[in-house]
Protein backbone atom coordinates (compact mmCIF):
# COMPACT_ATOMS: atom_id res chain seq x y z
CA UNK A 1 7.11 -8.48 -7.97
CA UNK A 2 8.04 -5.10 -6.92
CA UNK A 3 5.59 -2.47 -9.30
CA UNK A 4 6.64 1.71 -9.05
CA UNK A 5 3.92 4.06 -10.42
CA UNK A 6 4.44 7.73 -10.05
CA UNK A 7 1.20 10.06 -9.92
CA UNK A 8 1.13 13.08 -12.25
CA UNK A 9 3.18 15.18 -10.36
CA UNK A 10 5.94 12.88 -10.50
CA UNK A 11 5.91 11.47 -6.63
CA UNK A 12 6.78 8.02 -6.98
CA UNK A 13 4.79 4.96 -5.51
CA UNK A 14 5.56 1.53 -4.44
CA UNK A 15 3.49 -1.71 -4.19
CA UNK A 16 4.90 -5.06 -3.66
CA UNK A 17 3.03 -8.70 -4.17
CA UNK A 18 3.85 -12.07 -3.95
CA UNK A 19 2.95 -13.59 -7.35
CA UNK A 20 2.85 -17.51 -7.59
CA UNK A 21 1.46 -20.67 -9.44
CA UNK A 22 -1.25 -21.93 -7.62
CA UNK A 23 -1.01 -25.81 -5.72
CA UNK A 24 -3.80 -26.94 -8.26
CA UNK A 25 -1.70 -25.51 -10.77
CA UNK A 26 1.57 -27.26 -9.84
CA UNK A 27 -0.35 -30.47 -9.59
CA UNK A 28 -1.91 -29.82 -12.90
CA UNK A 29 1.48 -29.14 -14.56
CA UNK A 30 -1.09 -25.76 -15.38
CA UNK A 31 0.75 -23.26 -17.90
CA UNK A 32 0.16 -19.96 -16.19
CA UNK A 33 -1.62 -17.60 -18.78
CA UNK A 34 -4.51 -14.95 -18.92
CA UNK A 35 -7.18 -17.82 -18.94
CA UNK A 36 -5.37 -19.20 -16.11
CA UNK A 37 -3.71 -16.63 -13.67
CA UNK A 38 -1.39 -17.15 -11.30
CA UNK A 39 -2.34 -16.61 -7.49
CA UNK A 40 -1.47 -13.25 -5.89
CA UNK A 41 -1.08 -11.50 -2.40
CA UNK A 42 -0.33 -8.28 -2.03
CA UNK A 43 1.95 -7.71 0.67
CA UNK A 44 1.86 -4.93 3.99
CA UNK A 45 4.40 -3.49 6.02
CA UNK A 46 4.40 -2.93 9.39
CA UNK A 47 4.98 0.61 10.28
CA UNK A 48 3.49 1.73 6.74
CA UNK A 49 0.34 3.15 4.99
CA UNK A 50 -0.81 2.35 1.90
CA UNK A 51 -3.12 5.00 0.25
CA UNK A 52 -6.30 5.14 -1.06
CA UNK A 53 -5.05 2.53 -4.17
CA UNK A 54 -3.12 0.24 -2.17
CA UNK A 55 0.43 1.72 -2.85
CA UNK A 56 3.21 2.61 -1.00
CA UNK A 57 4.90 6.52 -0.50
CA UNK A 58 8.87 4.87 -2.41
CA UNK A 59 10.90 7.10 0.39
CA UNK A 60 9.07 5.58 3.16
CA UNK A 61 9.26 2.24 1.82
CA UNK A 62 12.80 2.53 1.12
CA UNK A 63 13.73 4.13 4.65
CA UNK A 64 11.49 0.96 5.87
CA UNK A 65 13.28 -1.63 3.47
CA UNK A 66 16.85 0.07 4.09
CA UNK A 67 15.98 -0.18 7.99
CA UNK A 68 15.06 -3.94 7.78
CA UNK A 69 18.65 -4.87 6.09
CA UNK A 70 20.11 -2.65 8.73
CA UNK A 71 18.82 -4.65 11.71
CA UNK A 72 19.52 -7.94 9.59
CA UNK A 73 23.66 -6.84 9.47
CA UNK A 74 23.72 -6.12 13.05
CA UNK A 75 22.05 -10.08 13.66
CA UNK A 76 25.02 -10.99 11.37
CA UNK A 77 27.63 -9.26 13.20
CA UNK A 78 25.76 -10.21 17.05
CA UNK A 79 25.82 -13.99 15.78
CA UNK A 80 27.81 -14.69 12.93
CA UNK A 81 30.39 -17.77 13.75
CA UNK A 82 34.31 -17.16 14.21
CA UNK A 83 35.85 -17.87 10.56
CA UNK A 84 36.79 -22.08 10.70
CA UNK A 85 40.92 -22.26 10.63
């Protein structure tokens, strides 16, 4: 789950969490609700430092995301198989 936040000055921040049904919830076919919340893992990112609230500067986060996508595109160009005839 991607969430964006703004401070009082309008500066934007980002948090990213993996939200999922736990194994017990899946096995028991249990409905996820406020009494039975999902599992949540807060993600961290190499090269980025979270602030005291665990949030990332949005500009830095979006730049890091762009760098990762660009690196993936380079891999596709380098290792893509030629189209079949």
